[in-house]
Amino acid sequence: MIKIAVDAMGGDNAPSEIVKGAVEAVSERPDITVCLTGQEDIIKKELEKYTYKKEQIEIVPASEVIETGEPPVNAIRKKKDSSIVVGMNLVKRGEADGFVSAGSSGAILVGGQVIVGRIKGVERPPLAPLIPTEKGFSLLIDCGANVDARPSHLVQFAQMGSIYMEHVMGVKRPRVAIVNIGAEEEKGNALVKETFPLLKECPGINFIGSIEAREIPHGGADVIVCEAFVGNVILKLYEGVGATMISMIKKGMMSSLRSKIGALLIKPALKSTLKSFDASQYGGAPLLGLKGLVVKTHGSSKANEVKNSIIQCIAFKEQAISEKIGQCLSPREEDIKEP
């Protein structure tokens, strides 16, 4: 059995959608146990709405909640009995194989590094969500953890992203590209120009060069490397354009009797197409490079995304991704210089 701790109090739709997602996860996968961290009475009340195998869900009490607007460092230090800190400590002690939360991004990033800890050799842990593309999906790394990254950080992002895509998502020799304003090697800002040759020379990754933003939805690369400011802009624009397009399509289909008739005819095909571009089906964004698994889901996550975030932890654990990253990035003895 794989045990996943889930922050029942984090996110806009907590605890109802979080608990519902946990129930759906254990109903779909008999090989997992979920530990819901949070205020016991509230969680119990939500669980009473569902029928599930009682041995697959347990409650780990946590009396405090870290709110989105709280300073992350202070919140992690002072709220020792918060649902986030309690859940991460379960991972740290080896009592859970992963932790999932839709709560404060800042607190999750700080807690991941301070409580769970970085793998030896990892300079910065990046957030790496899967985004839908014309060819299936791509990994966007980093999307929010390191807004002032250095070239060496981006190289590690490429290495960690390649390991994740190959061993968790089953993509053989994933294509790695760096986000740029043109395909030419000499283009880009100082960070991109300095990183490009390092990626070219990096063994173990399939680097294909630069990728422009317009090529990302077409699936131009499997691992899309950038620093967090650029990555977060790409992710939010992606989500905003997707939601706007869906809204406009629905509005257009309801604009006249003819369009309504046409809508009925194309509804099955359209529903299938739109579902393929639903990012929630891929779960949350793992914080790669930690000693244990921490997954951040959207603050607005509904039950389906919570369920998929829990289930995605299974492959991460089974494929020993943290161990593989450690083997790849940990400094070798011959590389450590004598003081």
Protein backbone atom coordinates (compact mmCIF):
# COMPACT_ATOMS: atom_id res chain seq x y z
CA MET A 1 0.00 0.00 0.00
CA ILE A 2 1.19 3.48 -0.89
CA LYS A 3 0.26 6.12 1.68
CA ILE A 4 -0.40 9.71 0.60
CA ALA A 5 -0.93 12.60 3.02
CA VAL A 6 -3.45 15.17 1.77
CA ASP A 7 -3.97 18.66 3.16
CA ALA A 8 -7.73 18.67 3.74
CA MET A 9 -7.82 22.36 4.72
CA GLY A 10 -5.89 23.93 1.83
CA GLY A 11 -7.44 25.57 -1.24
CA ASP A 12 -10.51 27.57 -2.22
CA ASN A 13 -12.78 24.52 -2.13
CA ALA A 14 -11.50 22.88 1.07
CA PRO A 15 -12.48 20.71 2.74
CA SER A 16 -15.43 19.50 0.62
CA GLU A 17 -13.69 19.01 -2.74
CA ILE A 18 -10.46 17.78 -1.13
CA VAL A 19 -12.25 15.08 0.85
CA LYS A 20 -14.35 14.13 -2.17
CA GLY A 21 -11.20 13.78 -4.27
CA ALA A 22 -9.61 11.57 -1.63
CA VAL A 23 -12.67 9.31 -1.57
CA GLU A 24 -12.66 9.07 -5.37
CA ALA A 25 -8.96 8.21 -5.34
CA VAL A 26 -9.29 5.30 -2.91
CA SER A 27 -12.40 4.09 -4.71
CA GLU A 28 -10.43 3.95 -7.96
CA ARG A 29 -7.20 2.57 -6.52
CA PRO A 30 -7.36 -0.14 -3.82
CA ASP A 31 -3.55 0.02 -3.44
CA ILE A 32 -3.42 3.43 -1.72
CA THR A 33 -4.17 4.85 1.70
CA VAL A 34 -4.93 8.54 2.21
CA CYS A 35 -4.11 10.46 5.39
CA LEU A 36 -6.25 13.59 5.55
CA THR A 37 -4.54 16.26 7.66
CA GLY A 38 -6.65 18.98 9.23
CA GLN A 39 -9.38 19.72 11.71
CA GLU A 40 -10.77 16.34 12.69
CA ASP A 41 -14.42 17.26 13.33
CA ILE A 42 -14.76 19.07 10.00
CA ILE A 43 -13.14 16.23 8.02
CA LYS A 44 -15.30 13.59 9.73
CA LYS A 45 -18.43 15.52 8.82
CA GLU A 46 -17.39 15.59 5.16
CA LEU A 47 -16.49 11.89 5.12
CA GLU A 48 -19.94 10.99 6.43
CA LYS A 49 -21.35 11.97 3.01
CA TYR A 50 -19.58 9.07 1.28
CA THR A 51 -19.30 5.31 1.23
CA TYR A 52 -15.72 4.05 1.07
CA LYS A 53 -13.42 1.46 2.62
CA LYS A 54 -12.71 2.88 6.05
CA GLU A 55 -9.25 1.32 6.22
CA GLN A 56 -8.14 3.35 3.17
CA ILE A 57 -8.71 6.81 4.67
CA GLU A 58 -7.48 8.02 8.03
CA ILE A 59 -7.50 11.42 9.68
CA VAL A 60 -4.35 12.97 11.12
CA PRO A 61 -5.47 15.88 13.32
CA ALA A 62 -4.03 19.34 12.71
CA SER A 63 -5.57 22.26 14.57
CA GLU A 64 -4.16 25.14 12.49
CA VAL A 65 -4.55 26.35 8.90
CA ILE A 66 -2.02 28.42 6.94
CA GLU A 67 -3.92 31.05 4.98
CA THR A 68 -2.88 32.15 1.49
CA GLY A 69 -1.95 35.68 2.51
CA GLU A 70 0.35 34.72 5.39
CA PRO A 71 4.13 35.22 5.07
CA PRO A 72 5.29 31.65 4.20
CA VAL A 73 8.43 31.50 6.34
CA ASN A 74 6.71 32.78 9.49
CA ALA A 75 3.71 30.54 8.90
CA ILE A 76 5.83 27.38 8.60
CA ARG A 77 7.85 28.31 11.71
CA LYS A 78 4.96 29.36 13.93
CA LYS A 79 2.10 27.09 12.87
CA LYS A 80 3.67 23.76 13.75
CA ASP A 81 0.25 22.10 13.98
CA SER A 82 -1.02 23.32 10.60
CA SER A 83 -2.34 20.85 8.04
CA ILE A 84 0.62 21.62 5.74
CA VAL A 85 3.35 21.19 8.36
CA VAL A 86 1.75 18.05 9.81
CA GLY A 87 1.46 16.50 6.34
CA MET A 88 5.04 17.31 5.37
CA ASN A 89 6.34 15.89 8.63
CA LEU A 90 4.62 12.61 7.77
CA VAL A 91 6.70 12.53 4.57
CA LYS A 92 9.87 13.53 6.40
CA ARG A 93 9.46 10.73 8.95
CA GLY A 94 8.69 8.18 6.23
CA GLU A 95 5.13 7.70 7.47
CA ALA A 96 3.72 8.86 4.11
CA ASP A 97 5.05 8.40 0.57
CA GLY A 98 3.90 11.80 -0.63
CA PHE A 99 2.02 14.98 0.30
CA VAL A 100 -0.64 16.77 -1.77
CA SER A 101 -1.94 20.26 -1.07
CA ALA A 102 -3.99 22.96 -2.79
CA GLY A 103 -2.99 25.44 -0.07
CA SER A 104 -0.58 28.36 0.08
CA SER A 105 2.04 28.04 -2.68
CA GLY A 106 4.61 29.95 -0.66
CA ALA A 107 4.14 27.79 2.42
CA ILE A 108 4.39 24.61 0.35
CA LEU A 109 7.62 25.79 -1.32
CA VAL A 110 9.18 26.84 1.99
CA GLY A 111 7.94 23.78 3.85
CA GLY A 112 9.16 21.45 1.15
CA GLN A 113 12.71 22.73 1.47
CA VAL A 114 12.78 23.31 5.25
CA ILE A 115 10.85 20.24 6.42
CA VAL A 116 11.18 17.57 3.72
CA GLY A 117 14.57 18.86 2.59
CA ARG A 118 16.43 19.00 -0.72
CA ILE A 119 18.27 16.08 -2.24
CA LYS A 120 22.04 16.47 -1.91
CA GLY A 121 23.32 18.24 -5.01
CA VAL A 122 20.02 19.90 -5.94
CA GLU A 123 20.44 23.69 -5.96
CA ARG A 124 16.78 24.70 -6.33
CA PRO A 125 13.65 22.52 -6.42
CA PRO A 126 11.32 23.56 -9.28
CA LEU A 127 7.55 23.21 -9.64
CA ALA A 128 6.80 21.11 -12.70
CA PRO A 129 3.18 20.85 -13.93
CA LEU A 130 2.08 18.89 -16.97
CA ILE A 131 0.32 21.03 -19.56
CA PRO A 132 -1.90 19.72 -22.38
CA THR A 133 -0.67 20.01 -25.98
CA GLU A 134 -1.74 18.94 -29.44
CA LYS A 135 0.47 15.84 -29.10
CA GLY A 136 -0.57 14.97 -25.56
CA PHE A 137 1.27 16.84 -22.79
CA SER A 138 4.53 18.58 -21.90
CA LEU A 139 6.29 19.32 -18.62
CA LEU A 140 6.71 23.03 -17.83
CA ILE A 141 9.65 23.50 -15.47
CA ASP A 142 9.81 25.86 -13.51
CA CYS A 143 6.35 27.44 -13.16
CA GLY A 144 6.59 29.30 -9.87
CA ALA A 145 9.32 28.32 -7.43
CA ASN A 146 12.46 30.19 -8.57
CA VAL A 147 11.96 33.60 -10.17
CA ASP A 148 15.67 34.48 -10.09
CA ALA A 149 17.21 31.27 -11.38
CA ARG A 150 20.79 30.89 -12.55
CA PRO A 151 22.01 28.89 -15.59
CA SER A 152 23.08 25.97 -13.38
CA HIS A 153 19.54 25.84 -11.96
CA LEU A 154 18.02 25.58 -15.43
CA VAL A 155 20.38 22.76 -16.36
CA GLN A 156 19.25 20.83 -13.29
CA PHE A 157 15.61 21.56 -14.16
CA ALA A 158 16.24 19.94 -17.55
CA GLN A 159 17.82 16.88 -15.92
CA MET A 160 15.08 16.45 -13.33
CA GLY A 161 12.35 17.06 -15.89
CA SER A 162 13.82 14.44 -18.22
CA ILE A 163 13.89 11.86 -15.42
CA TYR A 164 10.27 12.60 -14.49
CA MET A 165 8.97 12.46 -18.06
CA GLU A 166 10.78 9.25 -18.89
CA HIS A 167 10.08 7.25 -15.75
CA VAL A 168 6.69 8.60 -14.62
CA MET A 169 5.07 9.56 -17.93
CA GLY A 170 6.77 6.92 -20.09
CA VAL A 171 8.25 9.32 -22.67
CA LYS A 172 11.44 7.80 -24.10
CA ARG A 173 14.30 10.26 -24.61
CA PRO A 174 12.09 13.31 -23.87
CA ARG A 175 12.87 16.34 -26.03
CA VAL A 176 14.18 19.22 -23.92
CA ALA A 177 13.91 22.86 -25.06
CA ILE A 178 14.52 26.22 -23.44
CA VAL A 179 11.90 28.97 -23.77
CA ASN A 180 13.19 31.76 -26.00
CA ILE A 181 12.01 34.61 -28.23
CA GLY A 182 13.43 32.95 -31.34
CA ALA A 183 14.87 29.69 -32.58
CA GLU A 184 18.38 31.04 -33.16
CA GLU A 185 20.99 30.23 -30.55
CA GLU A 186 22.20 33.82 -30.30
CA LYS A 187 18.75 35.14 -29.33
CA GLY A 188 17.39 35.61 -25.83
CA ASN A 189 18.22 37.41 -22.62
CA ALA A 190 21.45 36.93 -20.66
CA LEU A 191 20.09 33.94 -18.74
CA VAL A 192 19.00 32.07 -21.86
CA LYS A 193 22.21 32.85 -23.77
CA GLU A 194 24.34 31.58 -20.91
CA THR A 195 22.23 28.48 -20.33
CA PHE A 196 21.90 27.37 -23.97
CA PRO A 197 25.48 26.06 -24.42
CA LEU A 198 25.35 24.37 -21.02
CA LEU A 199 22.26 22.43 -22.08
CA LYS A 200 23.92 21.51 -25.40
CA GLU A 201 26.83 20.00 -23.51
CA CYS A 202 24.79 18.35 -20.75
CA PRO A 203 24.99 14.54 -20.97
CA GLY A 204 21.87 12.49 -20.40
CA ILE A 205 19.33 14.91 -21.86
CA ASN A 206 17.93 15.16 -25.39
CA PHE A 207 18.32 18.91 -25.92
CA ILE A 208 16.70 20.19 -29.14
CA GLY A 209 17.34 23.93 -28.71
CA SER A 210 14.99 26.88 -28.19
CA ILE A 211 11.22 26.84 -28.25
CA GLU A 212 9.01 29.86 -28.86
CA ALA A 213 5.83 30.21 -26.83
CA ARG A 214 3.58 29.62 -29.86
CA GLU A 215 5.11 26.17 -30.37
CA ILE A 216 4.35 25.01 -26.83
CA PRO A 217 0.64 24.18 -27.45
CA HIS A 218 1.67 22.21 -30.55
CA GLY A 219 3.87 19.93 -28.42
CA GLY A 220 7.18 21.24 -29.75
CA ALA A 221 9.06 19.78 -26.76
CA ASP A 222 8.43 17.31 -23.95
CA VAL A 223 10.34 19.25 -21.27
CA ILE A 224 10.03 23.03 -21.44
CA VAL A 225 12.75 24.74 -19.41
CA CYS A 226 12.48 28.30 -18.08
CA GLU A 227 12.80 30.29 -14.88
CA ALA A 228 9.70 30.64 -12.74
CA PHE A 229 8.64 34.16 -13.79
CA VAL A 230 8.40 33.14 -17.45
CA GLY A 231 6.95 29.74 -16.59
CA ASN A 232 4.21 31.19 -14.42
CA VAL A 233 3.24 33.69 -17.13
CA ILE A 234 3.04 30.85 -19.68
CA LEU A 235 0.94 28.70 -17.34
CA LYS A 236 -1.51 31.46 -16.40
CA LEU A 237 -1.89 32.64 -20.02
CA TYR A 238 -2.44 29.02 -21.07
CA GLU A 239 -5.21 28.62 -18.50
CA GLY A 240 -6.77 32.00 -19.28
CA VAL A 241 -6.87 31.51 -23.05
CA GLY A 242 -8.25 27.99 -22.60
CA ALA A 243 -11.08 29.15 -20.34
CA THR A 244 -11.88 32.10 -22.62
CA MET A 245 -11.98 29.94 -25.74
CA ILE A 246 -14.32 27.44 -24.09
CA SER A 247 -16.60 30.26 -22.93
CA MET A 248 -16.66 31.86 -26.40
CA ILE A 249 -17.36 28.53 -28.12
CA LYS A 250 -20.28 27.84 -25.78
CA LYS A 251 -21.63 31.37 -26.30
CA GLY A 252 -21.36 31.04 -30.09
CA MET A 253 -23.07 27.67 -30.11
CA MET A 254 -26.06 29.11 -28.21
CA SER A 255 -26.38 32.28 -30.35
CA SER A 256 -29.05 31.03 -32.77
CA LEU A 257 -31.36 28.10 -33.50
CA ARG A 258 -29.07 26.90 -36.29
CA SER A 259 -26.00 27.00 -34.05
CA LYS A 260 -27.90 25.15 -31.30
CA ILE A 261 -28.80 22.36 -33.73
CA GLY A 262 -25.17 22.21 -34.88
CA ALA A 263 -24.03 22.12 -31.27
CA LEU A 264 -26.10 19.00 -30.62
CA LEU A 265 -24.45 17.27 -33.59
CA ILE A 266 -20.87 18.11 -32.66
CA LYS A 267 -21.26 17.89 -28.86
CA PRO A 268 -19.68 14.39 -28.40
CA ALA A 269 -16.62 15.19 -30.55
CA LEU A 270 -16.23 18.67 -29.05
CA LYS A 271 -16.51 17.35 -25.50
CA SER A 272 -13.78 14.80 -26.18
CA THR A 273 -11.50 17.43 -27.73
CA LEU A 274 -11.97 19.92 -24.91
CA LYS A 275 -11.36 17.20 -22.32
CA SER A 276 -7.94 16.50 -23.85
CA PHE A 277 -6.99 20.11 -23.06
CA ASP A 278 -8.15 19.91 -19.45
CA ALA A 279 -5.01 20.25 -17.30
CA SER A 280 -6.76 18.87 -14.22
CA GLN A 281 -6.61 15.33 -15.65
CA TYR A 282 -2.83 15.34 -15.09
CA GLY A 283 -3.00 16.20 -11.39
CA GLY A 284 -0.79 18.76 -9.67
CA ALA A 285 2.76 20.04 -9.99
CA PRO A 286 5.42 18.02 -8.15
CA LEU A 287 8.16 19.99 -6.38
CA LEU A 288 11.09 18.07 -7.84
CA GLY A 289 14.43 17.67 -6.12
CA LEU A 290 13.17 17.00 -2.59
CA LYS A 291 13.94 13.96 -0.45
CA GLY A 292 10.24 13.13 -0.50
CA LEU A 293 7.32 13.82 -2.80
CA VAL A 294 5.41 17.10 -2.46
CA VAL A 295 2.68 17.96 -5.00
CA LYS A 296 1.05 21.38 -5.33
CA THR A 297 -2.39 21.47 -6.94
CA HIS A 298 -4.29 24.57 -8.05
CA GLY A 299 -5.86 26.60 -5.26
CA SER A 300 -9.17 26.26 -7.10
CA SER A 301 -8.84 22.47 -7.49
CA LYS A 302 -12.00 20.41 -7.61
CA ALA A 303 -12.29 16.76 -6.63
CA ASN A 304 -11.11 15.40 -10.00
CA GLU A 305 -7.79 17.25 -9.87
CA VAL A 306 -7.27 16.25 -6.23
CA LYS A 307 -7.96 12.62 -7.15
CA ASN A 308 -5.51 12.72 -10.06
CA SER A 309 -2.88 14.44 -7.92
CA ILE A 310 -3.12 11.59 -5.40
CA ILE A 311 -2.96 8.92 -8.09
CA GLN A 312 0.03 10.51 -9.84
CA CYS A 313 2.00 9.97 -6.62
CA ILE A 314 1.86 6.21 -7.20
CA ALA A 315 4.09 6.22 -10.28
CA PHE A 316 6.45 8.71 -8.63
CA LYS A 317 6.91 6.34 -5.70
CA GLU A 318 7.04 3.13 -7.71
CA GLN A 319 9.65 4.56 -10.08
CA ALA A 320 11.75 5.93 -7.17
CA ILE A 321 12.03 9.35 -8.81
CA SER A 322 13.67 11.04 -5.82
CA GLU A 323 16.33 8.33 -5.76
CA LYS A 324 16.94 8.65 -9.52
CA ILE A 325 17.29 12.43 -9.23
CA GLY A 326 19.70 11.93 -6.34
CA GLN A 327 21.83 9.54 -8.40
CA CYS A 328 21.89 12.00 -11.29
CA LEU A 329 22.63 15.20 -9.39
CA SER A 330 24.48 14.20 -6.24
CA PRO A 331 28.12 15.31 -6.46
CA ARG A 332 30.58 12.50 -7.10
CA GLU A 333 33.52 12.11 -4.75
CA GLU A 334 36.01 12.87 -7.52
CA ASP A 335 34.18 16.15 -8.23
CA ILE A 336 34.45 17.37 -4.64
CA LYS A 337 37.61 19.41 -4.29
CA GLU A 338 39.65 19.38 -1.12
CA PRO A 339 39.33 22.65 0.87
